[in-house]
Structure formats: structure tokens, C-alpha cells
Amino acid sequence: MKKISALLLSFLLLFSMMPLLAQAKNTNFWDVPRDHWAYEAITDMANKGIIDGYSDGSFRPNSKVTRAEFAKIMIAASGVQLGDKWGISQTFKDVPRSHWAFTYVEYAKPYLTGYKSGSTYSYKPDQNAVREDIAVALVRLLGYDQSKSAKITLLNQFRDKEKISYNLRTFIAIALDNDLIKGFNDGTFRPQDAITRAEAASLLYRAKLDEQKVVFPTDPTSPVPQPKPDQKTREVTDDFSDNQLKKWNSARGTGSWVVYDKRVTAYSNDSDLKHYLLPLQEKVNKDDTEWEIEVDINPVKTDGEAGIFFNGEDGEADIVYLTKDSLQVRHLTDPEKKETKAIASIATKLKTNNNLKIKAKDDTLSVYLNGTNIYTLQKVKWDHSEIGLYMSKDAFKQIPSKTTWFDNFTFTATKK
């Protein structure tokens, strides 16, 4: 934990005092000019293969970083060896062990902000990480005593002080009083401003350059060990970070499935092929009493047209997928035929990031969108065992700028 604190402290302090200008070097990213404040950091980190750009030659420095990604940055920058996730207790209801960032969030939680409703805690992993999160992390890392009276009046200098979360104002005041973080020249603090890719690159870069002696905070309480799952429960997860499809049976799929920038999509040069299927190597067994599939669906300049398939065999399957304004449940008989048989249609609104989950127990199927149960079907006949990702031909236009992407896949099943 001491190594974590030292490195995190160095890059979090530097985040609060970002450089205005970087030294000039060559770069391959057309959207990061030589006078960009993070030019040096982005170029160096890219040359070392630590961060990646996009196939169109851009880096997208102003793209936002989510709270889950922020937790990973904090831990990944330190090089700490993560422990077995089954030896860590779950803190946040929306970051279960099946979530790709579970271990990162749990290891970083002593320094992060969370949310509480009644007796339940949530982390909101898909929301953007913001400046007030940084202020809290700084105060906790340095071990400042929050029990002492903070100079709350320091917040009065900011005309947007009302945007600072009420429960975090003490942390913000302590951070300001100790010059850990500053406001802007226009009299704002911008507590809800999101962290960008450029800022993340700079944090990682400076953290690796500026290791130093610091006073370490008290190590967090050791997690409560949890029992490992017995052989009745099995789990498959894939965040596509290895840029491969080792857990998938591509040979039995339809279309060409590719991984790019830790996400997966599909295309085909076969004009007759209308539906793309990517089966998971793991299948639903006859003695499974319950199982679930979950995946994030991220449309980029498309209307979605992607989701999950189950009850599959030889190109025939039941499909659940998102469109611009609905969730469709249909039966696919032939990947080369555009027509499918309708089972249900539920009005929804497509978002930039959509979490789709299917839960099956005995003969009941439930569909969840962004954590909400929106459809349930009973007396389902499980005729076939293949499950996996589904994508309509209409979802693909051009990689990477116009297609629908999949990320953070999880499958779990429990036997009798």
C-alpha cells in the first residue's frame, strides 16, 4: 500500500497544477499540436506503448475518463499486484465481482468518493471522474485531519461554489487551504469538470518521473475474505484488454469479429450476410438452474442494432438487441435472411453507453437495461445452448468511427 500512496500522491498533486506548455517534440497525433499543454506526456507515453491513439491518427485528448477508469489509473500507475477478487468484500452494489473494474475500485476506495442511499453504497463507475474527486483523494492521501474545523469560507471565492457536493466541501476547503488544488482565473472551481484523456496521460507520465518520499496514510482495513465459488458456479469475463478473442468460438460465428482499442465489433464483405453472431466457448448446460449474460453496448454514430443472442445453434438463435428507440426480442432463423420473427418490442432510448443484461432462471427470462428490468418472458423453452454477441449488418458503417462496440462482457451460470 505504501508504493500505491507514493505514486498516486505524485500524480494527483500534479493534476491540480497542470503545466501550461510542454516541450516541443514530434508527435503522430494530429489533434495534439506542439503547443498542447500535455504534448510531451502524450507523446512519451504513446511512444512507450503505455497509451494508445485511434486508427484515424487522433488521440482525442479531450475525451472523458470514467470513475471506473480513474480507479484503474490510480492502481495501474503504481504497478501494484492485485489480489484474488474472491478475497475482497464487495463494497458497491453497482461494482460486483463480475465488473471489469471491481478489483481496481476496491483497492483504490480509501481515496475515492462514493455514494450512499440508506445503507447501500454505489460507485457509479460509468460516470465521469471529476475535479472534486481529485480534491478528496489528495486530502485522504496526505492524511489531513478532517475532524478539525475547515475554512469553509474559502469556498466563497468561487462563484460556482453551489456546484460543490455538500458532503465534500470540507475536503475541498482543506485542499484549498493547503494549496493542494486551485481554482481558475475566472473565479470558478469547476468541481464537476471531468478528467480528460490528456490529463490522464499527464498523470501517468508525471507519476513515473516524480517518485519521491512522502508521509503515507494509514493502510486501509484489510478486506473481509469471501468464499471462492464452488464447482457449481462458473464465470467467464472479457474486457477485451488483450485484443484477442480466446474465450470465443469465432469459427462457429458469422461475420468477421475484430478487437480494437479494447472493444469488439463485427463486419463482413459478404453482401448476403445480414446478421453477425459471435458464440462464447462456454455454453449453457442442461443442468444450469440459472445463468446471466451482461455486456456494455456503445454505439458510435449508429442506431445500436446490437445485443446478445441465446438459445443458439448453427446460426439460429433468439436475439435481444437495442435500436435507436427500442429494445427488440426476436427469433433469428437464418443469418443470411434479413427478416426475423418478433417476440417483443419495448420502447427505450439509446444512450452513448448501454448496459444490457439477460437473466434466466428455470423457464423465466428477464431483460435488464442499465440496471432496470424492462421485460420478462415465462415458459421459455431452452432448445439450444449457444450464447454470445449479436450484431445486425446495419450496425456497421466504418471502423472505428461508425460502428457499434461491445465491452465488459460477463457470463455466469449455476448448476443444480
Protein backbone atom coordinates (compact mmCIF):
# COMPACT_ATOMS: atom_id res chain seq x y z
CA MET A 1 0.00 0.00 0.00
CA LYS A 2 2.94 2.37 0.57
CA LYS A 3 4.01 2.13 -3.05
CA ILE A 4 0.46 2.94 -4.13
CA SER A 5 0.33 6.02 -1.92
CA ALA A 6 3.69 7.38 -3.08
CA LEU A 7 2.95 7.16 -6.77
CA LEU A 8 -0.66 8.24 -6.50
CA LEU A 9 0.28 11.25 -4.44
CA SER A 10 2.81 12.37 -7.01
CA PHE A 11 0.44 12.28 -9.94
CA LEU A 12 -2.59 13.60 -8.06
CA LEU A 13 -0.62 16.62 -6.87
CA LEU A 14 0.49 17.25 -10.42
CA PHE A 15 -3.09 17.03 -11.65
CA SER A 16 -4.03 20.01 -9.50
CA MET A 17 -1.24 22.09 -11.10
CA MET A 18 -1.27 21.09 -14.79
CA PRO A 19 1.54 22.56 -16.95
CA LEU A 20 0.57 25.34 -19.32
CA LEU A 21 3.09 24.43 -22.02
CA ALA A 22 5.11 21.37 -22.90
CA GLN A 23 8.44 21.00 -24.63
CA ALA A 24 8.29 20.55 -28.39
CA LYS A 25 8.74 17.07 -29.82
CA ASN A 26 7.37 15.26 -32.82
CA THR A 27 4.01 13.54 -32.44
CA ASN A 28 1.86 11.34 -34.63
CA PHE A 29 -1.43 12.65 -33.27
CA TRP A 30 -2.94 15.33 -35.47
CA ASP A 31 -5.18 16.62 -32.67
CA VAL A 32 -2.28 17.14 -30.21
CA PRO A 33 -0.30 20.12 -31.60
CA ARG A 34 3.15 21.04 -30.35
CA ASP A 35 1.77 23.78 -28.12
CA HIS A 36 -0.73 21.49 -26.37
CA TRP A 37 -0.07 21.54 -22.61
CA ALA A 38 0.11 17.72 -22.46
CA TYR A 39 2.08 17.26 -25.70
CA GLU A 40 5.21 15.87 -24.03
CA ALA A 41 3.33 13.49 -21.76
CA ILE A 42 1.07 12.13 -24.50
CA THR A 43 3.95 11.66 -26.95
CA ASP A 44 6.23 9.96 -24.46
CA MET A 45 3.55 7.64 -23.13
CA ALA A 46 2.42 6.73 -26.64
CA ASN A 47 5.98 6.03 -27.79
CA LYS A 48 6.39 3.66 -24.84
CA GLY A 49 3.15 1.87 -25.72
CA ILE A 50 1.50 2.75 -22.41
CA ILE A 51 -1.39 4.61 -24.02
CA ASP A 52 -2.90 4.29 -27.48
CA GLY A 53 -4.39 6.61 -30.05
CA TYR A 54 -7.05 5.84 -32.63
CA SER A 55 -6.79 4.47 -36.16
CA ASP A 56 -7.62 7.85 -37.69
CA GLY A 57 -4.41 9.28 -36.24
CA SER A 58 -6.09 11.09 -33.36
CA PHE A 59 -5.59 10.87 -29.61
CA ARG A 60 -8.83 12.61 -28.59
CA PRO A 61 -7.22 14.41 -25.65
CA ASN A 62 -10.50 15.94 -24.51
CA SER A 63 -12.41 12.65 -24.28
CA LYS A 64 -13.56 11.97 -20.73
CA VAL A 65 -12.36 9.36 -18.22
CA THR A 66 -14.96 7.43 -16.23
CA ARG A 67 -14.83 6.83 -12.48
CA ALA A 68 -14.03 3.16 -13.14
CA GLU A 69 -11.18 4.14 -15.44
CA PHE A 70 -9.96 6.64 -12.84
CA ALA A 71 -9.72 3.86 -10.25
CA LYS A 72 -7.77 1.73 -12.70
CA ILE A 73 -5.40 4.63 -13.49
CA MET A 74 -4.69 5.11 -9.80
CA ILE A 75 -3.79 1.45 -9.31
CA ALA A 76 -2.21 0.72 -12.70
CA ALA A 77 0.19 3.67 -12.38
CA SER A 78 1.55 2.23 -9.14
CA GLY A 79 2.31 -1.18 -10.62
CA VAL A 80 0.77 -2.89 -7.60
CA GLN A 81 0.00 -6.60 -7.87
CA LEU A 82 -3.73 -7.09 -7.46
CA GLY A 83 -5.01 -9.88 -5.24
CA ASP A 84 -7.66 -12.52 -5.82
CA LYS A 85 -11.03 -10.80 -6.18
CA TRP A 86 -12.65 -13.58 -4.15
CA GLY A 87 -10.59 -12.44 -1.17
CA ILE A 88 -12.11 -8.95 -1.29
CA SER A 89 -15.51 -7.97 0.06
CA GLN A 90 -17.86 -6.11 -2.29
CA THR A 91 -18.47 -2.52 -1.19
CA PHE A 92 -20.51 -1.01 -4.03
CA LYS A 93 -23.74 -2.52 -5.34
CA ASP A 94 -23.00 -1.32 -8.89
CA VAL A 95 -19.46 -2.76 -8.99
CA PRO A 96 -19.92 -6.52 -8.48
CA ARG A 97 -17.11 -9.04 -8.83
CA SER A 98 -18.15 -9.57 -12.43
CA HIS A 99 -17.40 -5.91 -13.24
CA TRP A 100 -14.08 -5.42 -15.05
CA ALA A 101 -13.01 -2.68 -12.57
CA PHE A 102 -14.06 -4.47 -9.36
CA THR A 103 -10.55 -5.10 -8.01
CA TYR A 104 -9.27 -1.66 -9.00
CA VAL A 105 -12.17 0.09 -7.28
CA GLU A 106 -11.83 -1.95 -4.09
CA TYR A 107 -8.07 -1.35 -3.87
CA ALA A 108 -8.47 2.39 -4.51
CA LYS A 109 -11.59 3.01 -2.40
CA PRO A 110 -9.74 4.50 0.62
CA TYR A 111 -9.03 7.51 -1.59
CA LEU A 112 -12.17 7.68 -3.73
CA THR A 113 -15.61 9.20 -3.35
CA GLY A 114 -18.72 7.03 -3.32
CA TYR A 115 -22.47 7.43 -2.93
CA LYS A 116 -24.78 6.28 -0.15
CA SER A 117 -28.52 5.70 -0.23
CA GLY A 118 -29.87 4.34 3.05
CA SER A 119 -27.49 1.52 3.93
CA THR A 120 -26.43 0.89 0.33
CA TYR A 121 -23.26 2.20 -1.32
CA SER A 122 -22.75 2.78 -5.02
CA TYR A 123 -19.76 3.97 -7.03
CA LYS A 124 -21.34 4.96 -10.38
CA PRO A 125 -18.43 3.53 -12.38
CA ASP A 126 -19.65 4.76 -15.76
CA GLN A 127 -19.97 8.40 -14.74
CA ASN A 128 -17.13 10.82 -15.45
CA ALA A 129 -14.43 11.32 -12.81
CA VAL A 130 -14.42 14.98 -11.78
CA ARG A 131 -12.20 17.58 -10.08
CA GLU A 132 -13.83 17.31 -6.67
CA ASP A 133 -12.93 13.59 -6.72
CA ILE A 134 -9.29 14.64 -7.08
CA ALA A 135 -9.52 17.03 -4.13
CA VAL A 136 -10.89 14.28 -1.87
CA ALA A 137 -8.16 11.87 -2.98
CA LEU A 138 -5.45 14.46 -2.23
CA VAL A 139 -6.73 15.17 1.27
CA ARG A 140 -7.05 11.49 2.12
CA LEU A 141 -3.67 10.57 0.68
CA LEU A 142 -1.88 13.25 2.69
CA GLY A 143 -3.72 12.28 5.85
CA TYR A 144 -5.09 15.72 6.70
CA ASP A 145 -7.29 15.69 9.80
CA GLN A 146 -10.86 16.25 8.64
CA SER A 147 -12.08 16.39 12.23
CA LYS A 148 -10.57 19.85 12.65
CA SER A 149 -12.54 22.91 11.60
CA ALA A 150 -12.02 23.58 7.90
CA LYS A 151 -12.02 27.09 6.48
CA ILE A 152 -15.29 26.70 4.61
CA THR A 153 -15.22 30.44 3.86
CA LEU A 154 -12.51 29.70 1.30
CA LEU A 155 -15.27 28.40 -0.95
CA ASN A 156 -16.84 31.87 -1.09
CA GLN A 157 -14.22 32.98 -3.61
CA PHE A 158 -15.83 30.77 -6.24
CA ARG A 159 -18.99 31.88 -8.00
CA ASP A 160 -19.86 28.23 -8.69
CA LYS A 161 -19.44 27.05 -5.07
CA GLU A 162 -23.01 25.72 -5.02
CA LYS A 163 -21.93 23.06 -7.52
CA ILE A 164 -19.55 21.55 -4.98
CA SER A 165 -21.16 18.46 -3.43
CA TYR A 166 -22.26 19.33 0.11
CA ASN A 167 -20.57 16.36 1.80
CA LEU A 168 -17.28 17.13 0.05
CA ARG A 169 -16.99 20.83 0.94
CA THR A 170 -14.79 20.16 3.96
CA PHE A 171 -12.36 18.22 1.77
CA ILE A 172 -12.35 20.98 -0.85
CA ALA A 173 -11.68 23.63 1.81
CA ILE A 174 -8.79 21.62 3.29
CA ALA A 175 -7.34 21.07 -0.19
CA LEU A 176 -7.54 24.80 -0.94
CA ASP A 177 -6.12 25.81 2.45
CA ASN A 178 -3.09 23.60 1.88
CA ASP A 179 -2.56 24.57 -1.77
CA LEU A 180 -3.29 21.05 -2.95
CA ILE A 181 -5.64 22.26 -5.66
CA LYS A 182 -6.56 25.64 -7.09
CA GLY A 183 -9.43 27.34 -8.83
CA PHE A 184 -9.46 29.12 -12.18
CA ASN A 185 -8.75 32.72 -13.13
CA ASP A 186 -12.41 33.33 -13.94
CA GLY A 187 -13.41 32.84 -10.30
CA THR A 188 -14.68 29.27 -10.68
CA PHE A 189 -13.64 25.97 -9.14
CA ARG A 190 -15.44 23.75 -11.65
CA PRO A 191 -15.93 20.84 -9.24
CA GLN A 192 -17.89 18.80 -11.75
CA ASP A 193 -15.45 19.21 -14.66
CA ALA A 194 -14.50 15.79 -15.98
CA ILE A 195 -10.97 14.41 -16.24
CA THR A 196 -9.82 14.01 -19.84
CA ARG A 197 -7.53 11.56 -21.65
CA ALA A 198 -4.87 14.25 -21.86
CA GLU A 199 -4.98 14.75 -18.10
CA ALA A 200 -4.83 11.00 -17.52
CA ALA A 201 -1.77 10.74 -19.80
CA SER A 202 -0.09 13.55 -17.89
CA LEU A 203 -0.86 11.90 -14.54
CA LEU A 204 0.70 8.62 -15.61
CA TYR A 205 3.71 10.33 -17.18
CA ARG A 206 4.50 12.54 -14.19
CA ALA A 207 3.89 9.71 -11.71
CA LYS A 208 6.61 7.65 -13.37
CA LEU A 209 9.03 10.61 -13.36
CA ASP A 210 8.42 12.02 -9.92
CA GLU A 211 8.63 9.26 -7.31
CA GLN A 212 9.56 10.89 -4.00
CA LYS A 213 9.46 10.40 -0.25
CA VAL A 214 6.07 11.14 1.27
CA VAL A 215 4.20 10.60 4.53
CA PHE A 216 1.98 7.58 3.94
CA PRO A 217 -1.62 7.43 5.11
CA THR A 218 -2.74 4.59 7.33
CA ASP A 219 -3.28 1.44 5.32
CA PRO A 220 -6.97 0.67 4.80
CA THR A 221 -8.60 -2.09 6.77
CA SER A 222 -7.91 -5.49 5.29
CA PRO A 223 -10.83 -6.77 3.24
CA VAL A 224 -13.07 -9.49 4.55
CA PRO A 225 -12.25 -12.75 2.74
CA GLN A 226 -15.08 -14.18 0.72
CA PRO A 227 -15.52 -17.85 -0.15
CA LYS A 228 -14.48 -18.82 -3.64
CA PRO A 229 -17.26 -20.18 -5.81
CA ASP A 230 -17.68 -23.92 -5.75
CA GLN A 231 -17.77 -26.02 -8.89
CA LYS A 232 -21.50 -25.43 -9.23
CA THR A 233 -20.87 -21.85 -10.30
CA ARG A 234 -18.77 -20.84 -13.28
CA GLU A 235 -17.95 -17.41 -14.67
CA VAL A 236 -16.47 -16.02 -17.88
CA THR A 237 -15.47 -12.36 -18.16
CA ASP A 238 -13.85 -10.47 -21.02
CA ASP A 239 -12.97 -6.79 -21.15
CA PHE A 240 -11.10 -7.42 -24.43
CA SER A 241 -7.97 -5.82 -22.98
CA ASP A 242 -5.73 -8.48 -24.54
CA ASN A 243 -7.07 -7.55 -28.00
CA GLN A 244 -7.84 -11.21 -28.68
CA LEU A 245 -10.90 -13.45 -28.69
CA LYS A 246 -9.56 -16.51 -26.88
CA LYS A 247 -12.81 -17.04 -24.97
CA TRP A 248 -14.93 -17.03 -28.11
CA ASN A 249 -15.68 -19.62 -30.79
CA SER A 250 -15.06 -17.45 -33.84
CA ALA A 251 -15.05 -20.49 -36.13
CA ARG A 252 -18.75 -21.09 -35.41
CA GLY A 253 -19.66 -17.43 -35.71
CA THR A 254 -20.89 -15.39 -38.64
CA GLY A 255 -19.15 -12.26 -39.88
CA SER A 256 -15.64 -11.08 -39.02
CA TRP A 257 -15.22 -10.04 -35.38
CA VAL A 258 -12.36 -7.71 -34.53
CA VAL A 259 -10.96 -6.19 -31.33
CA TYR A 260 -9.78 -2.58 -31.45
CA ASP A 261 -8.84 -0.35 -28.52
CA LYS A 262 -10.13 -2.98 -26.04
CA ARG A 263 -13.57 -3.19 -27.64
CA VAL A 264 -15.07 -5.59 -30.15
CA THR A 265 -17.24 -5.13 -33.23
CA ALA A 266 -18.07 -7.02 -36.43
CA TYR A 267 -18.24 -6.57 -40.19
CA SER A 268 -18.47 -8.69 -43.32
CA ASN A 269 -17.61 -8.41 -47.01
CA ASP A 270 -20.33 -10.95 -47.75
CA SER A 271 -23.28 -8.94 -49.06
CA ASP A 272 -25.63 -11.87 -48.39
CA LEU A 273 -24.87 -11.96 -44.66
CA LYS A 274 -27.35 -9.84 -42.68
CA HIS A 275 -26.65 -10.91 -39.07
CA TYR A 276 -23.36 -11.37 -37.18
CA LEU A 277 -23.05 -13.86 -34.30
CA LEU A 278 -20.06 -14.46 -32.02
CA PRO A 279 -20.59 -17.57 -29.85
CA LEU A 280 -18.93 -17.87 -26.46
CA GLN A 281 -16.87 -21.04 -26.00
CA GLU A 282 -18.73 -21.64 -22.74
CA LYS A 283 -22.33 -22.81 -23.23
CA VAL A 284 -25.48 -23.05 -21.17
CA ASN A 285 -25.74 -26.59 -19.80
CA LYS A 286 -28.95 -28.54 -19.35
CA ASP A 287 -28.39 -28.75 -15.60
CA ASP A 288 -27.92 -24.98 -15.19
CA THR A 289 -30.74 -23.70 -12.99
CA GLU A 290 -29.86 -20.06 -13.60
CA TRP A 291 -27.48 -18.01 -15.70
CA GLU A 292 -26.94 -14.45 -16.85
CA ILE A 293 -25.17 -12.56 -19.63
CA GLU A 294 -24.14 -8.93 -19.38
CA VAL A 295 -22.37 -6.60 -21.81
CA ASP A 296 -21.87 -2.90 -22.48
CA ILE A 297 -23.06 -1.68 -25.88
CA ASN A 298 -21.57 1.57 -27.18
CA PRO A 299 -22.91 2.89 -30.50
CA VAL A 300 -20.70 5.35 -32.36
CA LYS A 301 -22.76 7.23 -34.96
CA THR A 302 -25.09 4.24 -35.36
CA ASP A 303 -28.57 3.31 -34.15
CA GLY A 304 -27.28 0.47 -31.99
CA GLU A 305 -28.59 -2.65 -33.74
CA ALA A 306 -26.56 -4.87 -31.41
CA GLY A 307 -27.05 -7.02 -28.33
CA ILE A 308 -26.98 -10.62 -27.08
CA PHE A 309 -28.06 -13.95 -28.52
CA PHE A 310 -29.03 -17.14 -26.67
CA ASN A 311 -30.75 -20.44 -27.44
CA GLY A 312 -28.41 -20.62 -30.40
CA GLU A 313 -27.23 -23.36 -32.72
CA ASP A 314 -25.95 -23.32 -36.33
CA GLY A 315 -26.92 -19.70 -36.96
CA GLU A 316 -30.39 -19.95 -35.41
CA ALA A 317 -30.94 -18.08 -32.15
CA ASP A 318 -33.09 -15.83 -30.04
CA ILE A 319 -31.72 -12.28 -30.11
CA VAL A 320 -32.13 -9.32 -27.76
CA TYR A 321 -30.78 -6.07 -29.16
CA LEU A 322 -31.06 -2.28 -28.99
CA THR A 323 -32.22 0.10 -31.68
CA LYS A 324 -32.46 3.88 -31.66
CA ASP A 325 -35.77 3.90 -29.79
CA SER A 326 -36.50 0.33 -28.69
CA LEU A 327 -35.29 -2.98 -27.31
CA GLN A 328 -36.15 -5.86 -29.61
CA VAL A 329 -36.61 -9.52 -28.68
CA ARG A 330 -36.77 -11.61 -31.84
CA HIS A 331 -36.03 -15.07 -33.25
CA LEU A 332 -33.36 -15.41 -35.93
CA THR A 333 -33.68 -18.39 -38.26
CA ASP A 334 -31.02 -17.65 -40.87
CA PRO A 335 -28.12 -15.12 -40.72
CA GLU A 336 -28.49 -14.54 -44.47
CA LYS A 337 -32.15 -13.54 -44.20
CA LYS A 338 -32.88 -10.02 -43.00
CA GLU A 339 -36.32 -10.97 -41.68
CA THR A 340 -36.64 -12.16 -38.07
CA LYS A 341 -39.67 -13.25 -36.05
CA ALA A 342 -40.88 -10.71 -33.49
CA ILE A 343 -41.29 -11.78 -29.86
CA ALA A 344 -41.42 -8.41 -28.08
CA SER A 345 -40.63 -4.73 -28.58
CA ILE A 346 -40.10 -2.32 -25.67
CA ALA A 347 -39.74 1.44 -26.12
CA THR A 348 -36.35 2.69 -24.89
CA LYS A 349 -33.88 5.45 -25.68
CA LEU A 350 -30.43 4.54 -26.95
CA LYS A 351 -27.56 6.08 -24.96
CA THR A 352 -23.86 6.52 -25.57
CA ASN A 353 -23.22 3.67 -23.14
CA ASN A 354 -25.84 0.97 -22.60
CA ASN A 355 -25.59 -1.94 -20.18
CA LEU A 356 -27.64 -4.91 -21.39
CA LYS A 357 -28.21 -7.93 -19.16
CA ILE A 358 -30.20 -11.14 -19.55
CA LYS A 359 -31.06 -13.26 -16.50
CA ALA A 360 -32.51 -16.73 -16.84
CA LYS A 361 -33.86 -18.89 -14.03
CA ASP A 362 -35.59 -22.16 -14.76
CA ASP A 363 -38.04 -21.25 -17.56
CA THR A 364 -38.13 -17.48 -16.93
CA LEU A 365 -36.13 -14.91 -18.88
CA SER A 366 -35.65 -11.31 -17.67
CA VAL A 367 -34.05 -8.47 -19.63
CA TYR A 368 -32.37 -5.54 -17.87
CA LEU A 369 -31.29 -2.27 -19.46
CA ASN A 370 -28.98 -0.02 -17.43
CA GLY A 371 -29.96 -1.86 -14.26
CA THR A 372 -33.74 -1.75 -14.80
CA ASN A 373 -35.87 -4.81 -15.54
CA ILE A 374 -37.81 -3.86 -18.68
CA TYR A 375 -39.06 -7.23 -19.93
CA THR A 376 -39.82 -10.71 -18.56
CA LEU A 377 -40.79 -13.81 -20.53
CA GLN A 378 -42.03 -17.02 -18.90
CA LYS A 379 -42.30 -20.62 -20.05
CA VAL A 380 -39.20 -20.32 -22.22
CA LYS A 381 -38.04 -23.49 -23.94
CA TRP A 382 -34.26 -23.85 -23.85
CA ASP A 383 -33.78 -25.86 -27.05
CA HIS A 384 -30.16 -24.94 -27.70
CA SER A 385 -27.08 -24.00 -25.70
CA GLU A 386 -25.03 -21.40 -27.57
CA ILE A 387 -24.86 -17.83 -26.25
CA GLY A 388 -22.89 -14.80 -27.32
CA LEU A 389 -22.85 -11.41 -29.01
CA TYR A 390 -25.23 -10.34 -31.76
CA MET A 391 -24.93 -7.51 -34.26
CA SER A 392 -27.00 -6.54 -37.28
CA LYS A 393 -25.28 -5.67 -40.54
CA ASP A 394 -26.92 -2.24 -40.20
CA ALA A 395 -24.77 -1.52 -37.12
CA PHE A 396 -21.55 -1.39 -39.12
CA LYS A 397 -20.50 1.51 -41.31
CA GLN A 398 -16.78 2.06 -40.73
CA ILE A 399 -14.22 1.03 -38.10
CA PRO A 400 -13.68 2.74 -35.70
CA SER A 401 -15.70 5.87 -36.36
CA LYS A 402 -19.12 4.47 -37.36
CA THR A 403 -19.99 1.16 -35.76
CA THR A 404 -21.39 -0.34 -32.57
CA TRP A 405 -18.90 -1.58 -29.99
CA PHE A 406 -19.13 -4.23 -27.26
CA ASP A 407 -17.21 -4.05 -23.97
CA ASN A 408 -17.10 -5.60 -20.47
CA PHE A 409 -18.74 -8.98 -21.12
CA THR A 410 -19.72 -11.34 -18.28
CA PHE A 411 -21.40 -14.75 -18.25
CA THR A 412 -22.21 -16.64 -15.05
CA ALA A 413 -24.10 -19.89 -14.57
CA THR A 414 -25.11 -22.07 -11.62
CA LYS A 415 -25.79 -25.80 -11.73
CA LYS A 416 -28.29 -27.74 -9.66
